[in-house]
N, C-alpha and C. Protein backbone atom coordinates (compact mmCIF):
# COMPACT_ATOMS: atom_id res chain seq x y z
N MET A 1 128.14 123.59 200.92
CA MET A 1 128.71 123.84 199.54
C MET A 1 128.52 125.24 198.71
N THR A 2 129.77 125.51 198.40
CA THR A 2 129.49 127.07 197.67
C THR A 2 128.83 126.86 196.36
N GLU A 3 128.16 127.98 195.82
CA GLU A 3 127.66 127.82 194.41
C GLU A 3 128.89 127.57 193.56
N LEU A 4 129.79 128.04 193.46
CA LEU A 4 130.95 127.65 192.65
C LEU A 4 131.24 126.27 192.72
N SER A 5 131.40 125.58 193.61
CA SER A 5 131.85 124.21 194.26
C SER A 5 130.66 123.33 193.20
N GLN A 6 129.63 123.82 193.29
CA GLN A 6 128.43 123.11 192.74
C GLN A 6 128.52 123.11 191.35
N ASP A 7 129.08 124.19 190.55
CA ASP A 7 129.18 124.37 189.37
C ASP A 7 130.53 123.40 188.78
N LEU A 8 131.41 122.80 189.61
CA LEU A 8 132.54 122.21 189.01
C LEU A 8 132.33 120.91 189.36
N THR A 9 132.66 119.99 188.18
CA THR A 9 132.40 118.44 188.08
C THR A 9 133.70 117.68 187.65
N GLY A 10 134.04 116.33 188.05
CA GLY A 10 135.17 115.87 187.92
C GLY A 10 135.17 115.10 186.59
N ILE A 11 136.32 114.82 186.36
CA ILE A 11 136.61 114.33 184.83
C ILE A 11 135.97 113.18 184.60
N ASN A 12 135.52 112.10 185.40
CA ASN A 12 135.24 110.74 185.05
C ASN A 12 133.58 111.21 185.12
N GLU A 13 132.96 111.90 185.75
CA GLU A 13 131.51 112.34 185.58
C GLU A 13 131.47 113.06 184.16
N VAL A 14 132.15 114.30 183.96
CA VAL A 14 132.18 114.90 182.70
C VAL A 14 132.07 113.63 181.35
N ALA A 15 133.03 112.74 181.70
CA ALA A 15 133.14 111.83 180.46
C ALA A 15 131.95 110.83 180.41
N ARG A 16 131.50 110.36 181.60
CA ARG A 16 130.33 109.79 181.72
C ARG A 16 129.26 110.48 180.93
N MET A 17 128.93 111.83 181.43
CA MET A 17 127.78 112.65 181.05
C MET A 17 128.03 112.86 179.38
N LEU A 18 129.18 112.96 178.82
CA LEU A 18 129.27 113.21 177.13
C LEU A 18 129.47 111.97 176.76
N ASP A 19 129.40 110.83 177.42
CA ASP A 19 129.79 109.28 176.80
C ASP A 19 130.98 109.32 175.98
N ILE A 20 132.20 109.73 176.52
CA ILE A 20 133.29 109.72 176.06
C ILE A 20 134.46 109.26 177.20
N THR A 21 135.55 108.93 177.15
CA THR A 21 136.50 108.64 177.86
C THR A 21 137.10 109.91 178.61
N PRO A 22 137.75 109.63 179.80
CA PRO A 22 138.76 110.81 180.49
C PRO A 22 139.78 110.95 179.43
N ARG A 23 140.51 109.84 178.62
CA ARG A 23 141.58 110.31 177.96
C ARG A 23 140.92 111.14 176.69
N THR A 24 139.68 111.39 176.28
CA THR A 24 139.31 111.95 175.24
C THR A 24 139.14 113.74 176.19
N LEU A 25 138.84 113.80 176.93
CA LEU A 25 138.99 115.32 177.70
C LEU A 25 140.33 115.55 177.67
N ARG A 26 141.34 114.52 178.13
CA ARG A 26 142.39 115.12 178.16
C ARG A 26 143.14 115.62 176.80
N PHE A 27 142.91 114.78 175.84
CA PHE A 27 143.35 115.03 174.54
C PHE A 27 143.00 116.39 174.05
N TYR A 28 141.66 116.99 174.49
CA TYR A 28 141.30 118.30 173.95
C TYR A 28 141.93 119.25 175.08
N GLU A 29 141.99 118.89 176.08
CA GLU A 29 142.86 119.87 177.03
C GLU A 29 144.56 120.09 176.40
N ASP A 30 144.87 118.75 176.11
CA ASP A 30 146.64 118.90 175.51
C ASP A 30 146.32 119.89 174.07
N LYS A 31 145.30 120.02 173.38
CA LYS A 31 145.21 120.65 172.36
C LYS A 31 144.74 121.76 172.58
N GLY A 32 144.39 122.47 173.78
CA GLY A 32 144.15 123.72 174.16
C GLY A 32 142.87 124.22 173.93
N LEU A 33 142.09 122.91 173.65
CA LEU A 33 140.35 123.53 173.50
C LEU A 33 139.56 123.58 174.71
N ILE A 34 140.08 123.02 175.58
CA ILE A 34 139.42 123.19 176.97
C ILE A 34 140.51 123.68 177.79
N THR A 35 140.14 124.12 178.88
CA THR A 35 141.24 124.40 180.29
C THR A 35 140.37 124.25 181.52
N PRO A 36 140.45 122.85 181.74
CA PRO A 36 140.12 122.61 183.20
C PRO A 36 140.69 123.20 184.31
N CYS A 37 139.64 123.54 185.47
CA CYS A 37 140.57 124.00 186.57
C CYS A 37 141.09 122.78 187.21
N ARG A 38 141.90 123.14 188.23
CA ARG A 38 142.46 121.93 189.16
C ARG A 38 142.40 122.30 190.43
N VAL A 39 142.15 121.13 191.28
CA VAL A 39 141.93 121.28 192.65
C VAL A 39 143.13 120.01 193.04
N GLY A 40 143.85 120.81 193.19
CA GLY A 40 145.41 119.82 193.84
C GLY A 40 145.44 119.33 192.27
N ALA A 41 145.80 117.89 192.40
CA ALA A 41 146.00 117.22 191.01
C ALA A 41 144.69 116.68 190.33
N ILE A 42 143.55 117.15 190.73
CA ILE A 42 142.32 116.71 190.24
C ILE A 42 141.86 117.73 189.03
N ARG A 43 141.35 117.38 187.97
CA ARG A 43 141.03 118.28 187.07
C ARG A 43 139.38 118.19 187.39
N VAL A 44 138.86 119.43 187.19
CA VAL A 44 137.53 119.82 187.67
C VAL A 44 137.01 120.64 186.29
N TYR A 45 135.60 120.57 185.75
CA TYR A 45 135.28 121.25 184.77
C TYR A 45 133.93 122.12 185.01
N THR A 46 134.15 123.38 184.46
CA THR A 46 133.38 124.23 184.73
C THR A 46 132.01 123.94 183.79
N ARG A 47 130.67 124.60 183.99
CA ARG A 47 129.60 124.40 182.81
C ARG A 47 130.22 125.10 181.78
N ARG A 48 130.96 125.79 181.56
CA ARG A 48 131.43 126.46 180.38
C ARG A 48 132.54 125.64 179.84
N GLU A 49 133.32 124.78 180.47
CA GLU A 49 134.16 123.71 179.77
C GLU A 49 133.28 122.62 179.05
N ILE A 50 132.40 122.33 179.86
CA ILE A 50 131.40 121.25 179.37
C ILE A 50 130.43 121.58 178.01
N ALA A 51 130.18 122.89 178.13
CA ALA A 51 129.49 123.52 176.93
C ALA A 51 130.52 123.52 175.91
N ARG A 52 131.79 123.68 175.87
CA ARG A 52 132.88 123.92 174.88
C ARG A 52 133.04 122.31 174.42
N MET A 53 133.04 121.79 175.52
CA MET A 53 133.28 120.13 174.95
C MET A 53 131.96 119.71 174.01
N ARG A 54 130.89 119.89 174.29
CA ARG A 54 129.83 119.54 173.87
C ARG A 54 129.93 120.22 172.04
N LEU A 55 129.93 121.31 172.24
CA LEU A 55 130.64 122.02 170.90
C LEU A 55 131.76 121.20 170.05
N ILE A 56 132.63 120.80 170.70
CA ILE A 56 133.52 120.19 169.99
C ILE A 56 133.21 118.93 169.62
N LEU A 57 132.70 118.09 170.29
CA LEU A 57 131.94 116.68 170.04
C LEU A 57 130.85 117.12 169.01
N ARG A 58 129.98 117.87 168.69
CA ARG A 58 129.14 118.13 167.84
C ARG A 58 130.12 118.45 166.55
N GLY A 59 130.82 119.12 166.36
CA GLY A 59 131.75 119.52 165.43
C GLY A 59 132.53 118.34 164.79
N LYS A 60 133.07 117.63 165.75
CA LYS A 60 133.85 116.46 165.43
C LYS A 60 132.64 115.38 164.57
N ARG A 61 131.56 115.52 165.18
CA ARG A 61 130.44 114.27 164.55
C ARG A 61 129.94 114.81 163.35
N LEU A 62 129.81 116.18 163.01
CA LEU A 62 129.53 116.67 161.77
C LEU A 62 130.50 116.67 160.78
N GLY A 63 131.81 116.58 161.19
CA GLY A 63 133.02 116.15 160.29
C GLY A 63 133.87 117.45 160.03
N PHE A 64 134.05 118.51 161.09
CA PHE A 64 134.86 119.57 160.89
C PHE A 64 135.87 119.14 161.71
N THR A 65 136.97 119.75 161.00
CA THR A 65 138.39 119.51 161.52
C THR A 65 138.57 120.09 163.07
N LEU A 66 139.49 119.60 163.43
CA LEU A 66 139.95 120.55 164.57
C LEU A 66 140.41 121.87 164.41
N ARG A 67 140.93 122.27 163.24
CA ARG A 67 141.44 123.60 163.07
C ARG A 67 140.01 124.50 162.90
N ASP A 68 139.03 123.70 162.07
CA ASP A 68 137.53 124.48 162.25
C ASP A 68 136.85 124.89 163.48
N ILE A 69 137.11 123.95 164.54
CA ILE A 69 136.44 123.86 165.58
C ILE A 69 137.21 124.81 166.35
N VAL A 70 138.43 124.97 166.44
CA VAL A 70 139.18 125.99 167.19
C VAL A 70 138.85 127.39 166.79
N GLU A 71 138.79 127.42 165.55
CA GLU A 71 138.19 128.67 164.91
C GLU A 71 136.70 129.23 165.32
N PHE A 72 135.98 128.26 165.25
CA PHE A 72 134.46 128.31 165.77
C PHE A 72 134.81 128.86 167.50
N LEU A 73 135.62 128.25 168.06
CA LEU A 73 135.47 128.59 169.63
C LEU A 73 136.10 129.79 169.84
N ASP A 74 137.32 130.19 169.14
CA ASP A 74 137.96 131.55 169.22
C ASP A 74 137.11 132.41 168.78
N LEU A 75 136.22 132.51 167.72
CA LEU A 75 135.18 133.50 167.16
C LEU A 75 134.28 133.63 168.40
N TYR A 76 133.87 132.60 168.90
CA TYR A 76 132.92 132.63 169.93
C TYR A 76 133.37 133.48 171.23
N ASP A 77 134.47 133.09 171.49
CA ASP A 77 135.15 134.23 172.66
C ASP A 77 135.46 135.46 172.29
N ALA A 78 135.72 135.82 171.04
CA ALA A 78 135.95 137.02 170.68
C ALA A 78 134.75 138.14 170.33
N ASP A 79 133.79 137.30 169.80
CA ASP A 79 132.75 138.17 169.51
C ASP A 79 131.23 137.79 170.48
N PRO A 80 131.02 138.92 171.31
CA PRO A 80 129.97 138.62 172.04
C PRO A 80 128.67 138.57 171.52
N GLN A 81 128.63 139.24 170.21
CA GLN A 81 127.26 138.89 169.83
C GLN A 81 126.93 137.61 168.79
N HIS A 82 128.32 137.06 168.65
CA HIS A 82 128.22 135.87 167.82
C HIS A 82 128.01 135.84 166.55
N VAL A 83 127.96 137.10 165.74
CA VAL A 83 127.65 137.41 164.24
C VAL A 83 128.94 136.64 163.43
N GLU A 84 130.21 136.96 163.92
CA GLU A 84 131.01 136.57 163.01
C GLU A 84 131.34 135.11 163.02
N GLN A 85 131.08 134.41 164.41
CA GLN A 85 130.89 133.04 164.87
C GLN A 85 129.84 132.25 163.51
N MET A 86 128.59 132.85 163.46
CA MET A 86 127.68 132.35 162.88
C MET A 86 127.94 132.75 161.30
N ARG A 87 128.61 133.58 160.84
CA ARG A 87 128.82 133.82 159.42
C ARG A 87 129.71 132.67 158.92
N ALA A 88 130.73 132.53 160.09
CA ALA A 88 132.08 131.41 159.72
C ALA A 88 131.23 130.11 159.72
N LEU A 89 130.64 129.88 160.56
CA LEU A 89 129.84 128.68 160.86
C LEU A 89 128.81 128.16 159.76
N ALA A 90 128.17 129.31 159.04
CA ALA A 90 127.32 129.32 157.82
C ALA A 90 128.12 128.67 156.84
N GLY A 91 129.16 129.33 156.66
CA GLY A 91 130.04 129.27 155.58
C GLY A 91 130.78 127.78 155.47
N ARG A 92 131.15 127.37 156.64
CA ARG A 92 131.70 125.91 156.61
C ARG A 92 130.76 125.02 156.47
N CYS A 93 129.82 125.20 156.84
CA CYS A 93 128.58 124.34 156.95
C CYS A 93 127.98 123.99 155.33
N ARG A 94 128.34 125.12 154.58
CA ARG A 94 127.84 125.10 153.08
C ARG A 94 129.21 124.11 152.42
N GLN A 95 130.34 124.57 152.93
CA GLN A 95 131.33 123.81 152.35
C GLN A 95 131.26 122.17 152.59
N ARG A 96 130.82 121.93 153.82
CA ARG A 96 130.50 120.58 154.23
C ARG A 96 129.41 119.68 153.86
N ILE A 97 128.55 120.72 153.35
CA ILE A 97 127.19 120.35 152.74
C ILE A 97 127.63 119.90 151.14
N ASP A 98 128.50 120.67 150.77
CA ASP A 98 128.70 120.45 149.22
C ASP A 98 129.74 119.38 149.32
N ARG A 99 130.44 119.37 149.81
CA ARG A 99 131.23 118.01 150.10
C ARG A 99 130.82 116.72 150.34
N LEU A 100 129.87 116.75 151.06
CA LEU A 100 128.90 115.32 151.42
C LEU A 100 127.88 115.20 150.11
N ALA A 101 127.51 116.15 149.57
CA ALA A 101 126.49 115.93 148.42
C ALA A 101 127.29 115.31 147.36
N ALA A 102 128.71 115.84 147.23
CA ALA A 102 129.49 114.98 145.95
C ALA A 102 129.81 113.83 146.44
N GLN A 103 130.18 113.43 147.82
CA GLN A 103 130.19 112.21 148.18
C GLN A 103 128.97 111.15 147.94
N GLN A 104 127.97 111.93 148.20
CA GLN A 104 126.66 111.09 148.03
C GLN A 104 126.52 110.68 146.52
N GLU A 105 126.89 111.61 145.45
CA GLU A 105 126.99 111.17 144.18
C GLU A 105 127.97 110.17 143.95
N ALA A 106 129.07 110.37 144.25
CA ALA A 106 130.06 109.38 144.09
C ALA A 106 129.63 107.63 144.58
N ILE A 107 128.83 107.72 145.68
CA ILE A 107 128.68 106.83 146.18
C ILE A 107 127.58 105.95 145.31
N ALA A 108 126.49 106.82 145.22
CA ALA A 108 125.46 106.31 144.20
C ALA A 108 125.82 106.06 142.86
N GLU A 109 126.66 106.52 142.22
CA GLU A 109 127.29 106.08 141.03
C GLU A 109 128.09 104.73 141.37
N THR A 110 128.75 104.58 142.39
CA THR A 110 129.52 103.19 142.65
C THR A 110 128.67 102.09 142.82
N LEU A 111 127.57 102.57 144.01
CA LEU A 111 126.63 101.69 144.09
C LEU A 111 126.08 100.86 142.79
N GLU A 112 125.62 101.84 141.68
CA GLU A 112 124.99 101.58 140.49
C GLU A 112 125.92 100.68 139.76
N GLU A 113 127.28 100.88 139.56
CA GLU A 113 128.18 100.18 138.89
C GLU A 113 128.36 98.76 139.65
N LEU A 114 128.63 98.64 140.89
CA LEU A 114 128.65 97.40 141.64
C LEU A 114 127.44 96.56 141.37
N GLU A 115 126.40 96.99 141.39
CA GLU A 115 125.11 96.25 140.85
C GLU A 115 124.96 95.73 139.43
N LYS A 116 125.56 96.49 138.64
CA LYS A 116 125.49 96.24 137.59
C LYS A 116 126.55 94.95 137.31
N ILE A 117 127.67 95.05 137.88
CA ILE A 117 128.77 94.22 137.69
C ILE A 117 128.15 92.75 138.56
N GLU A 118 127.66 93.12 139.61
CA GLU A 118 126.94 91.83 140.30
C GLU A 118 125.80 91.19 139.21
N ARG A 119 125.17 91.79 138.51
CA ARG A 119 124.24 91.26 137.59
C ARG A 119 124.92 90.71 136.64
N GLU A 120 125.66 91.04 136.03
CA GLU A 120 126.48 90.58 135.03
C GLU A 120 127.25 89.33 135.36
N ALA A 121 127.90 89.47 136.42
CA ALA A 121 128.58 88.14 137.08
C ALA A 121 127.65 87.15 137.27
N LEU A 122 126.27 87.22 137.93
CA LEU A 122 125.46 86.16 138.31
C LEU A 122 124.68 85.74 137.14
N ALA A 123 124.54 86.54 135.98
CA ALA A 123 124.10 86.03 134.80
C ALA A 123 125.11 84.95 134.09
N ARG A 124 126.49 85.34 134.05
CA ARG A 124 127.42 84.40 133.65
C ARG A 124 127.54 83.06 134.42
N VAL A 125 126.92 82.93 135.75
CA VAL A 125 127.24 81.89 136.44
C VAL A 125 126.04 80.79 135.94
N VAL A 126 124.71 81.85 135.92
CA VAL A 126 123.49 81.11 135.86
C VAL A 126 123.45 80.44 134.37
N LYS A 127 123.97 80.94 133.32
CA LYS A 127 124.04 80.75 131.92
C LYS A 127 124.66 79.17 131.76
N PRO A 128 126.04 79.25 132.31
CA PRO A 128 126.58 77.71 131.95
C PRO A 128 125.92 76.79 132.74
N VAL A 129 125.37 76.69 134.04
CA VAL A 129 124.57 75.82 134.67
C VAL A 129 123.35 75.44 133.84
N ARG A 130 122.50 76.72 133.27
CA ARG A 130 121.43 76.02 132.29
C ARG A 130 121.93 75.40 131.43
N ARG A 131 122.89 75.54 130.92
CA ARG A 131 123.46 74.98 129.54
C ARG A 131 124.06 73.38 129.95
N ARG A 132 124.51 73.23 131.06
CA ARG A 132 124.60 71.86 131.43
C ARG A 132 123.71 70.99 131.79
N GLN A 133 122.51 71.66 132.46
CA GLN A 133 121.28 71.08 132.67
C GLN A 133 120.67 70.70 131.17
N ALA A 134 120.64 71.54 130.34
CA ALA A 134 119.92 71.31 129.11
C ALA A 134 120.45 70.22 128.19
N ALA A 135 121.86 70.57 128.32
CA ALA A 135 122.75 69.19 127.48
C ALA A 135 122.65 68.04 128.16
N ALA A 136 122.39 67.98 129.57
CA ALA A 136 122.20 66.53 130.47
C ALA A 136 120.73 66.18 129.91
N THR A 137 119.64 66.98 129.77
CA THR A 137 118.40 66.39 129.52
C THR A 137 118.19 65.92 127.95
N ASP A 138 119.05 66.36 127.29
CA ASP A 138 119.05 66.40 125.69
C ASP A 138 119.90 65.06 125.37
N ALA A 139 120.57 64.82 126.35
CA ALA A 139 121.57 63.74 126.15
C ALA A 139 121.13 62.27 126.35
N SER A 140 121.49 61.33 125.26
CA SER A 140 120.70 60.08 125.33
C SER A 140 121.37 59.19 126.36
N PRO A 141 120.79 58.11 126.85
CA PRO A 141 121.16 57.45 128.17
C PRO A 141 122.56 56.82 127.89
N ARG A 142 123.03 56.48 126.53
CA ARG A 142 124.27 55.75 126.44
C ARG A 142 125.22 57.32 126.76
N GLU A 143 125.00 58.25 126.43
CA GLU A 143 126.05 59.43 126.40
C GLU A 143 125.93 59.80 128.08
N LEU A 144 125.07 59.45 128.71
CA LEU A 144 125.45 59.85 130.28
C LEU A 144 126.29 58.93 130.55
């Protein structure tokens, strides 16, 4: 087996390796983010394509859009020193951090409000029950 053929991996193995489906790999191929080689009708992936897929999946997991990911990958290919890629990545990370922090604040406020409503609702449920119990114990045997 030649060194090149040892570096080629089939679609099913790559999918297992990355814990995704072959359909996911085909999706990113259709979008132009990866370009597997073909051996006849079979897709095979180089280490470079697998590394790109790892970057794509990490970007998606972190909430970046496909447009952001394409930009990062294009910068990676265009800038051998990766300076511009790192600059762009840092800027997008800051935007994402700010967005998530705002969402976190909104979630905290929503939780606080829901807990308050829950307490108020439970207080209204408990009070009528207590009043009925008190009325029942205060009532004379004839009233029951």
